[in-house]
Amino acid sequence: MSGMNFSPAWSGSGHALGGIQLGVEGHQDPAAIAQEMTAWLGALELQSLCQSHIEGPTENKLSLRCTLRHEAQQELMPGYDTLALHQSLQRPEKDKFQEPLEREICVALLGSPHLFRFANLAALQSHVRVRRNMVLAARKTALAFNTVAAERPEADWHYQDGPGFILNPGRPLIPALIAATQPEATGKLYDFSCYRATEYVILLGIAQELAAHHPAMLAQLQQLNEKHAIRSGQFHDVFLIEYGSMQAPLPSRFYVPGDRLWFRNPDERSSDIEGYEGSWVIYMGSGLFSNFWQRDRPFTLESKAIEIFHWRHGAVQDNQGKLRMDETVVAQHVAETERNPQDRAQVLSRMVRMRDPQGVYAEGGCIDATREYPRSVSREHCELVLPNY
């Protein structure tokens, strides 16, 4: 298999806008960094799919840009569609590579329309491991859906007004997160909202990386969770980077394993029901999105869109006149739509399009313009700044 094509020429027009960018410090040899990148991609058996070139200087610094070759892009993820990437990467013979998930993550990053910037190769490798950890955790997560109540394993967590669920003294963070989200640990499903569930999965993925490669930061994260939970908007600000925008939306079928994303409910009436404004999920690779309430039935893009479409039919008034969701009615409508190809096509035509702006309910679908991924927690280039309490 041929090596990655490396050009020492300075950047110019004609190169892809996205892909992966690695920083080059002033004392470093760009060619040596390119060779390290090639060796790492070679271990993943991806080097023949990629090309790289030196860019800069920008602010007196060079960088190495790595992207998929044009032919590989067209073959593996045409139109930036990553939902069948796992199939495109499969080989006829028995796959001797034991981590197809890492390969899928790397190819999605290399072929991305968004530029993923990393301080160096170690930071990129750490990023891939965090995404992998998140996906594996999401696949194992099973919870009880509840938008009002919430509970955690009492051996590990206790609730305080203000700080939220915090760790009991002496209870390590990683086993506590696993106990709360993976029923094999306790034999019980705990009440979560979908948004909070994604936070626990992300936090677990980060903590597992810190345990292996940055234990000092894990100790800080442990101490923080013994004092105060980081939730909602603060969680986003502390731990995550959002990419894409309403002005420059990501392609509707572009997802990197380990992305957190939101599917919007475009029906104004049913979106007034708490918990049904939309759905927060983790993209788990292989064309599948997390289903924390029935983990053995993960969503495809199409099945998620169809479910959200039929929330409008499940919205019913209770005896007090308050809207609630009847999941049985939703399931019946979903089954009927899946049985009728024409109805299915009509629903997907309506739903698999970019969402309307916030507050607008017009012709938009359920697809959001943005995705989110964790900040770098690489030991030498850690972007994580924890708040003080």
Protein backbone atom coordinates (compact mmCIF):
# COMPACT_ATOMS: atom_id res chain seq x y z
CA MET A 1 0.00 0.00 0.00
CA SER A 2 1.45 3.34 -0.96
CA GLY A 3 2.21 5.98 1.64
CA MET A 4 0.37 9.23 2.21
CA ASN A 5 1.11 11.80 -0.45
CA PHE A 6 3.09 14.64 1.19
CA SER A 7 3.84 17.93 -0.51
CA PRO A 8 6.31 20.31 1.14
CA ALA A 9 5.00 23.21 -0.95
CA TRP A 10 3.33 26.16 0.75
CA SER A 11 -0.43 26.24 0.76
CA GLY A 12 -2.27 27.59 -2.22
CA SER A 13 -5.67 27.50 -3.82
CA GLY A 14 -7.20 24.18 -4.73
CA HIS A 15 -6.80 22.51 -1.33
CA ALA A 16 -9.87 21.42 0.60
CA LEU A 17 -11.18 23.80 3.23
CA GLY A 18 -11.66 21.12 5.86
CA GLY A 19 -9.86 18.05 7.13
CA ILE A 20 -7.27 17.96 9.93
CA GLN A 21 -4.70 20.63 10.73
CA LEU A 22 -1.72 19.96 13.02
CA GLY A 23 0.38 22.77 14.43
CA VAL A 24 4.11 22.97 13.69
CA GLU A 25 6.28 24.64 16.33
CA GLY A 26 9.17 26.81 15.19
CA HIS A 27 11.81 24.26 16.18
CA GLN A 28 10.06 21.34 14.48
CA ASP A 29 10.69 19.89 11.04
CA PRO A 30 7.39 19.85 9.09
CA ALA A 31 8.52 16.82 7.09
CA ALA A 32 9.16 14.90 10.30
CA ILE A 33 5.67 15.73 11.58
CA ALA A 34 4.22 14.59 8.26
CA GLN A 35 6.12 11.32 8.61
CA GLU A 36 4.74 10.80 12.14
CA MET A 37 1.24 11.44 10.84
CA THR A 38 1.80 9.02 7.97
CA ALA A 39 3.04 6.34 10.37
CA TRP A 40 -0.02 6.73 12.60
CA LEU A 41 -2.40 6.61 9.66
CA GLY A 42 -0.43 3.63 8.37
CA ALA A 43 -1.13 1.77 11.61
CA LEU A 44 -4.82 2.39 10.87
CA GLU A 45 -4.29 1.29 7.25
CA LEU A 46 -5.46 4.67 6.00
CA GLN A 47 -2.29 6.24 4.62
CA SER A 48 -3.10 5.48 0.98
CA LEU A 49 -6.38 7.42 1.27
CA CYS A 50 -4.82 10.67 2.43
CA GLN A 51 -2.79 13.63 1.28
CA SER A 52 -1.05 16.39 3.21
CA HIS A 53 0.69 19.68 2.62
CA ILE A 54 2.38 22.42 4.62
CA GLU A 55 0.43 25.65 5.13
CA GLY A 56 1.56 29.04 6.32
CA PRO A 57 3.17 30.77 7.83
CA THR A 58 0.18 32.23 9.67
CA GLU A 59 1.16 34.35 12.67
CA ASN A 60 4.70 33.10 12.03
CA LYS A 61 3.61 29.47 12.40
CA LEU A 62 3.39 26.63 9.94
CA SER A 63 0.81 23.86 9.99
CA LEU A 64 0.29 20.48 8.38
CA ARG A 65 -3.05 19.99 6.60
CA CYS A 66 -4.25 16.42 6.05
CA THR A 67 -7.30 15.54 3.96
CA LEU A 68 -8.75 12.63 2.04
CA ARG A 69 -7.63 12.33 -1.54
CA HIS A 70 -10.33 13.37 -4.00
CA GLU A 71 -10.94 9.82 -5.23
CA ALA A 72 -11.18 8.49 -1.66
CA GLN A 73 -13.58 11.29 -0.72
CA GLN A 74 -15.86 10.43 -3.63
CA GLU A 75 -15.74 6.73 -2.90
CA LEU A 76 -16.02 6.74 0.89
CA MET A 77 -18.17 9.77 1.75
CA PRO A 78 -19.59 11.42 -1.39
CA GLY A 79 -21.29 14.71 -0.66
CA TYR A 80 -19.86 14.50 2.88
CA ASP A 81 -22.26 11.65 3.66
CA THR A 82 -20.66 9.67 6.50
CA LEU A 83 -23.68 7.50 7.37
CA ALA A 84 -22.47 4.59 5.20
CA LEU A 85 -18.78 5.19 5.87
CA HIS A 86 -18.46 2.04 7.97
CA GLN A 87 -19.63 -0.01 4.97
CA SER A 88 -17.32 1.80 2.56
CA LEU A 89 -14.35 1.03 4.82
CA GLN A 90 -15.13 -2.67 5.13
CA ARG A 91 -12.88 -5.11 3.30
CA PRO A 92 -13.90 -8.41 1.72
CA GLU A 93 -11.39 -10.37 3.77
CA LYS A 94 -11.65 -10.70 7.54
CA ASP A 95 -10.79 -7.29 8.95
CA LYS A 96 -7.52 -7.76 10.80
CA PHE A 97 -7.75 -4.27 12.25
CA GLN A 98 -9.38 -4.54 15.65
CA GLU A 99 -10.67 -0.98 15.93
CA PRO A 100 -12.85 -0.15 12.93
CA LEU A 101 -14.41 2.63 15.02
CA GLU A 102 -11.11 4.52 15.16
CA ARG A 103 -10.76 4.22 11.41
CA GLU A 104 -14.27 5.56 10.90
CA ILE A 105 -13.59 8.52 13.19
CA CYS A 106 -10.33 9.37 11.43
CA VAL A 107 -11.75 9.19 7.91
CA ALA A 108 -14.71 11.37 8.89
CA LEU A 109 -12.31 13.96 10.32
CA LEU A 110 -10.04 13.81 7.27
CA GLY A 111 -12.99 14.20 4.88
CA SER A 112 -14.78 16.86 6.92
CA PRO A 113 -15.91 20.15 5.35
CA HIS A 114 -15.04 21.70 8.74
CA LEU A 115 -11.36 22.16 9.63
CA PHE A 116 -10.45 20.36 12.85
CA ARG A 117 -7.39 22.05 14.38
CA PHE A 118 -5.05 20.26 16.80
CA ALA A 119 -1.89 21.46 18.48
CA ASN A 120 -0.03 18.32 17.45
CA LEU A 121 -0.45 14.64 16.64
CA ALA A 122 -0.76 13.68 20.32
CA ALA A 123 -3.73 16.04 20.68
CA LEU A 124 -5.38 14.50 17.62
CA GLN A 125 -4.82 10.99 18.96
CA SER A 126 -6.32 12.02 22.31
CA HIS A 127 -9.34 13.50 20.51
CA VAL A 128 -9.93 10.25 18.61
CA ARG A 129 -9.72 8.24 21.84
CA VAL A 130 -12.25 10.52 23.59
CA ARG A 131 -14.68 10.15 20.68
CA ARG A 132 -14.18 6.38 20.76
CA ASN A 133 -14.81 6.30 24.53
CA MET A 134 -18.01 8.30 24.08
CA VAL A 135 -19.34 6.01 21.37
CA LEU A 136 -18.64 2.86 23.39
CA ALA A 137 -20.30 4.44 26.43
CA ALA A 138 -23.32 5.57 24.38
CA ARG A 139 -23.78 2.04 23.05
CA LYS A 140 -23.95 0.69 26.61
CA THR A 141 -26.14 3.44 28.08
CA ALA A 142 -29.71 2.51 29.03
CA LEU A 143 -31.92 4.85 31.05
CA ALA A 144 -35.49 5.60 32.05
CA PHE A 145 -36.78 8.70 30.28
CA ASN A 146 -38.09 11.32 32.69
CA THR A 147 -38.12 15.08 32.12
CA VAL A 148 -39.24 15.92 35.67
CA ALA A 149 -37.79 13.39 38.10
CA ALA A 150 -34.16 12.38 38.25
CA GLU A 151 -32.29 9.80 40.27
CA ARG A 152 -28.78 8.39 40.61
CA PRO A 153 -27.23 5.41 42.44
CA GLU A 154 -27.33 6.40 46.10
CA ALA A 155 -23.99 4.76 46.81
CA ASP A 156 -22.28 7.21 44.45
CA TRP A 157 -24.38 10.36 44.24
CA HIS A 158 -26.51 12.67 46.36
CA TYR A 159 -28.59 15.67 45.34
CA GLN A 160 -28.27 19.21 46.69
CA ASP A 161 -30.31 22.23 45.66
CA GLY A 162 -28.03 24.36 43.55
CA PRO A 163 -25.03 22.06 43.02
CA GLY A 164 -27.25 19.22 41.72
CA PHE A 165 -26.11 15.59 41.83
CA ILE A 166 -22.63 15.49 43.35
CA LEU A 167 -20.32 12.63 44.18
CA ASN A 168 -20.34 11.09 47.64
CA PRO A 169 -16.98 11.38 49.44
CA GLY A 170 -14.52 8.73 48.30
CA ARG A 171 -16.58 7.60 45.30
CA PRO A 172 -14.48 7.76 42.10
CA LEU A 173 -16.01 9.56 39.14
CA ILE A 174 -15.66 6.94 36.38
CA PRO A 175 -17.36 4.02 38.21
CA ALA A 176 -20.04 6.45 39.43
CA LEU A 177 -20.84 7.58 35.87
CA ILE A 178 -20.93 3.95 34.70
CA ALA A 179 -23.24 2.98 37.58
CA ALA A 180 -25.65 5.78 36.67
CA THR A 181 -25.83 4.98 32.96
CA GLN A 182 -25.02 1.30 32.39
CA PRO A 183 -27.54 -1.03 34.06
CA GLU A 184 -25.12 -3.98 34.15
CA ALA A 185 -23.36 -2.13 36.99
CA THR A 186 -26.42 -1.88 39.27
CA GLY A 187 -29.25 -3.85 37.70
CA LYS A 188 -31.37 -0.70 37.55
CA LEU A 189 -32.39 2.00 35.05
CA TYR A 190 -32.13 5.55 36.39
CA ASP A 191 -34.31 8.52 35.42
CA PHE A 192 -32.67 10.98 33.01
CA SER A 193 -33.59 13.57 30.42
CA CYS A 194 -31.93 13.05 27.04
CA TYR A 195 -29.86 16.21 27.46
CA ARG A 196 -28.48 15.20 30.85
CA ALA A 197 -27.82 11.69 29.56
CA THR A 198 -25.56 13.02 26.81
CA GLU A 199 -23.64 15.02 29.42
CA TYR A 200 -22.89 11.88 31.44
CA VAL A 201 -21.76 9.99 28.33
CA ILE A 202 -19.47 12.86 27.28
CA LEU A 203 -18.09 13.27 30.79
CA LEU A 204 -17.37 9.54 31.01
CA GLY A 205 -15.54 9.57 27.67
CA ILE A 206 -13.39 12.50 28.80
CA ALA A 207 -12.71 11.03 32.24
CA GLN A 208 -11.58 7.71 30.78
CA GLU A 209 -9.07 9.52 28.56
CA LEU A 210 -7.82 11.55 31.51
CA ALA A 211 -7.38 8.41 33.61
CA ALA A 212 -5.08 6.93 30.98
CA HIS A 213 -3.19 10.02 29.81
CA HIS A 214 -3.77 13.04 32.08
CA PRO A 215 -4.41 11.87 35.68
CA ALA A 216 -3.75 15.31 37.20
CA MET A 217 -6.71 16.75 35.29
CA LEU A 218 -8.85 13.77 36.28
CA ALA A 219 -8.11 14.59 39.92
CA GLN A 220 -9.36 18.14 39.32
CA LEU A 221 -12.49 16.82 37.60
CA GLN A 222 -13.07 14.46 40.53
CA GLN A 223 -12.80 17.30 43.05
CA LEU A 224 -15.17 19.48 41.01
CA ASN A 225 -17.84 16.77 40.84
CA GLU A 226 -17.62 16.35 44.62
CA LYS A 227 -18.68 20.00 44.93
CA HIS A 228 -20.87 20.94 41.98
CA ALA A 229 -22.40 19.41 38.85
CA ILE A 230 -21.62 21.13 35.54
CA ARG A 231 -24.89 21.14 33.60
CA SER A 232 -26.77 22.55 30.63
CA GLY A 233 -25.32 25.76 29.16
CA GLN A 234 -22.34 25.69 31.48
CA PHE A 235 -21.54 22.12 30.43
CA HIS A 236 -21.54 23.21 26.80
CA ASP A 237 -19.27 26.16 27.55
CA VAL A 238 -16.79 24.20 29.68
CA PHE A 239 -16.49 20.92 27.82
CA LEU A 240 -17.62 21.35 24.22
CA ILE A 241 -16.90 23.07 20.93
CA GLU A 242 -19.78 23.69 18.54
CA TYR A 243 -19.13 23.61 14.82
CA GLY A 244 -21.31 24.60 11.90
CA SER A 245 -23.82 27.47 12.07
CA MET A 246 -27.21 28.51 10.75
CA GLN A 247 -25.36 30.74 8.27
CA ALA A 248 -23.00 27.91 7.22
CA PRO A 249 -24.80 24.66 8.12
CA LEU A 250 -23.05 21.32 8.09
CA PRO A 251 -24.20 18.85 5.40
CA SER A 252 -27.33 17.05 6.56
CA ARG A 253 -25.68 13.61 6.40
CA PHE A 254 -22.28 14.54 7.84
CA TYR A 255 -21.62 13.17 11.33
CA VAL A 256 -18.41 12.13 13.09
CA PRO A 257 -18.69 9.29 15.62
CA GLY A 258 -18.74 10.99 19.02
CA ASP A 259 -20.62 14.09 17.85
CA ARG A 260 -23.40 15.33 20.09
CA LEU A 261 -26.31 16.79 18.14
CA TRP A 262 -29.91 17.87 18.35
CA PHE A 263 -32.85 16.83 16.21
CA ARG A 264 -35.55 19.49 16.32
CA ASN A 265 -39.27 18.83 16.59
CA PRO A 266 -40.67 21.07 13.81
CA ASP A 267 -44.25 20.75 15.07
CA GLU A 268 -45.12 23.78 17.18
CA ARG A 269 -47.93 22.20 19.21
CA SER A 270 -46.19 19.02 20.35
CA SER A 271 -42.90 20.85 20.91
CA ASP A 272 -44.58 22.59 23.86
CA ILE A 273 -44.49 19.28 25.77
CA GLU A 274 -41.45 19.25 28.05
CA GLY A 275 -38.84 16.85 26.70
CA TYR A 276 -40.27 16.87 23.18
CA GLU A 277 -38.85 20.15 21.91
CA GLY A 278 -36.34 17.96 20.15
CA SER A 279 -33.96 15.11 20.88
CA TRP A 280 -30.31 15.19 21.98
CA VAL A 281 -28.27 12.19 20.83
CA ILE A 282 -24.73 10.94 20.32
CA TYR A 283 -23.73 9.77 16.85
CA MET A 284 -22.34 6.28 17.45
CA GLY A 285 -20.93 5.61 13.99
CA SER A 286 -22.14 2.85 11.65
CA GLY A 287 -25.04 5.10 10.63
CA LEU A 288 -26.59 4.86 14.12
CA PHE A 289 -27.68 7.43 16.71
CA SER A 290 -28.09 6.73 20.42
CA ASN A 291 -31.40 5.55 21.84
CA PHE A 292 -30.85 5.63 25.59
CA TRP A 293 -34.39 4.40 26.31
CA GLN A 294 -34.12 1.30 24.09
CA ARG A 295 -30.43 0.83 23.51
CA ASP A 296 -30.98 -2.37 21.51
CA ARG A 297 -32.91 -0.26 18.98
CA PRO A 298 -30.58 2.61 18.02
CA PHE A 299 -31.91 5.13 15.52
CA THR A 300 -30.93 5.65 11.93
CA LEU A 301 -31.31 9.17 10.60
CA GLU A 302 -34.53 8.05 8.90
CA SER A 303 -36.06 6.25 11.88
CA LYS A 304 -35.30 9.19 14.16
CA ALA A 305 -36.87 11.63 11.71
CA ILE A 306 -40.01 9.47 11.41
CA GLU A 307 -40.37 9.16 15.18
CA ILE A 308 -40.08 12.93 15.70
CA PHE A 309 -42.57 13.58 12.88
CA HIS A 310 -45.19 11.48 14.65
CA TRP A 311 -44.81 13.28 17.98
CA ARG A 312 -47.52 15.58 16.58
CA HIS A 313 -49.91 12.62 16.57
CA GLY A 314 -48.95 11.50 20.08
CA ALA A 315 -49.68 14.90 21.65
CA VAL A 316 -52.87 14.49 23.69
CA GLN A 317 -54.57 16.43 26.48
CA ASP A 318 -54.83 14.85 29.92
CA ASN A 319 -57.75 15.27 32.34
CA GLN A 320 -56.39 18.63 33.46
CA GLY A 321 -56.19 19.86 29.89
CA LYS A 322 -52.40 19.70 29.82
CA LEU A 323 -50.59 18.34 26.78
CA ARG A 324 -48.67 15.11 27.25
CA MET A 325 -47.10 12.59 24.89
CA ASP A 326 -48.73 9.21 24.28
CA GLU A 327 -45.80 7.08 23.16
CA THR A 328 -48.11 4.19 22.23
CA VAL A 329 -49.85 6.37 19.63
CA VAL A 330 -46.45 7.51 18.31
CA ALA A 331 -45.27 3.90 17.96
CA GLN A 332 -48.43 2.93 16.08
CA HIS A 333 -48.02 5.78 13.60
CA VAL A 334 -44.32 5.01 13.14
CA ALA A 335 -45.10 1.36 12.37
CA GLU A 336 -47.75 2.35 9.82
CA THR A 337 -45.40 4.79 8.10
CA GLU A 338 -42.59 2.24 7.95
CA ARG A 339 -44.97 -0.25 6.28
CA ASN A 340 -46.02 2.19 3.54
CA PRO A 341 -43.11 3.21 1.23
CA GLN A 342 -45.00 6.19 -0.20
CA ASP A 343 -45.92 7.57 3.23
CA ARG A 344 -42.38 6.97 4.43
CA ALA A 345 -40.91 8.91 1.53
CA GLN A 346 -43.29 11.82 2.14
CA VAL A 347 -42.43 12.01 5.84
CA LEU A 348 -38.69 11.91 5.16
CA SER A 349 -39.02 14.56 2.46
CA ARG A 350 -40.63 16.79 5.05
CA MET A 351 -38.26 16.01 7.92
CA VAL A 352 -34.76 15.41 6.53
CA ARG A 353 -34.10 19.05 5.77
CA MET A 354 -32.48 21.88 7.72
CA ARG A 355 -34.47 23.13 10.70
CA ASP A 356 -36.06 26.56 10.91
CA PRO A 357 -34.49 29.23 13.14
CA GLN A 358 -35.46 29.23 16.80
CA GLY A 359 -39.05 30.34 17.31
CA VAL A 360 -39.97 29.71 13.68
CA TYR A 361 -42.23 26.80 12.65
CA ALA A 362 -42.55 26.85 8.86
CA GLU A 363 -41.05 24.53 6.26
CA GLY A 364 -37.94 23.44 8.15
CA GLY A 365 -37.23 19.84 9.12
CA CYS A 366 -35.48 18.21 12.07
CA ILE A 367 -31.83 18.51 10.98
CA ASP A 368 -29.70 20.96 12.96
CA ALA A 369 -26.97 23.08 11.38
CA THR A 370 -24.39 22.29 14.06
CA ARG A 371 -22.70 19.49 15.98
CA GLU A 372 -20.62 19.47 19.19
CA TYR A 373 -17.43 17.72 20.24
CA PRO A 374 -15.22 17.77 23.38
CA ARG A 375 -12.42 20.24 23.88
CA SER A 376 -8.88 18.88 23.82
CA VAL A 377 -7.79 17.21 27.04
CA SER A 378 -4.36 16.24 25.75
CA ARG A 379 -1.85 16.57 28.59
CA GLU A 380 0.46 19.00 26.78
CA HIS A 381 -2.31 21.02 25.10
CA CYS A 382 -5.35 20.79 27.36
CA GLU A 383 -8.15 23.23 26.50
CA LEU A 384 -10.28 22.23 29.49
CA VAL A 385 -10.59 25.02 32.08
CA LEU A 386 -12.70 23.91 35.03
CA PRO A 387 -14.69 26.43 37.07
CA ASN A 388 -14.00 27.00 40.76
CA TYR A 389 -16.62 26.38 43.44
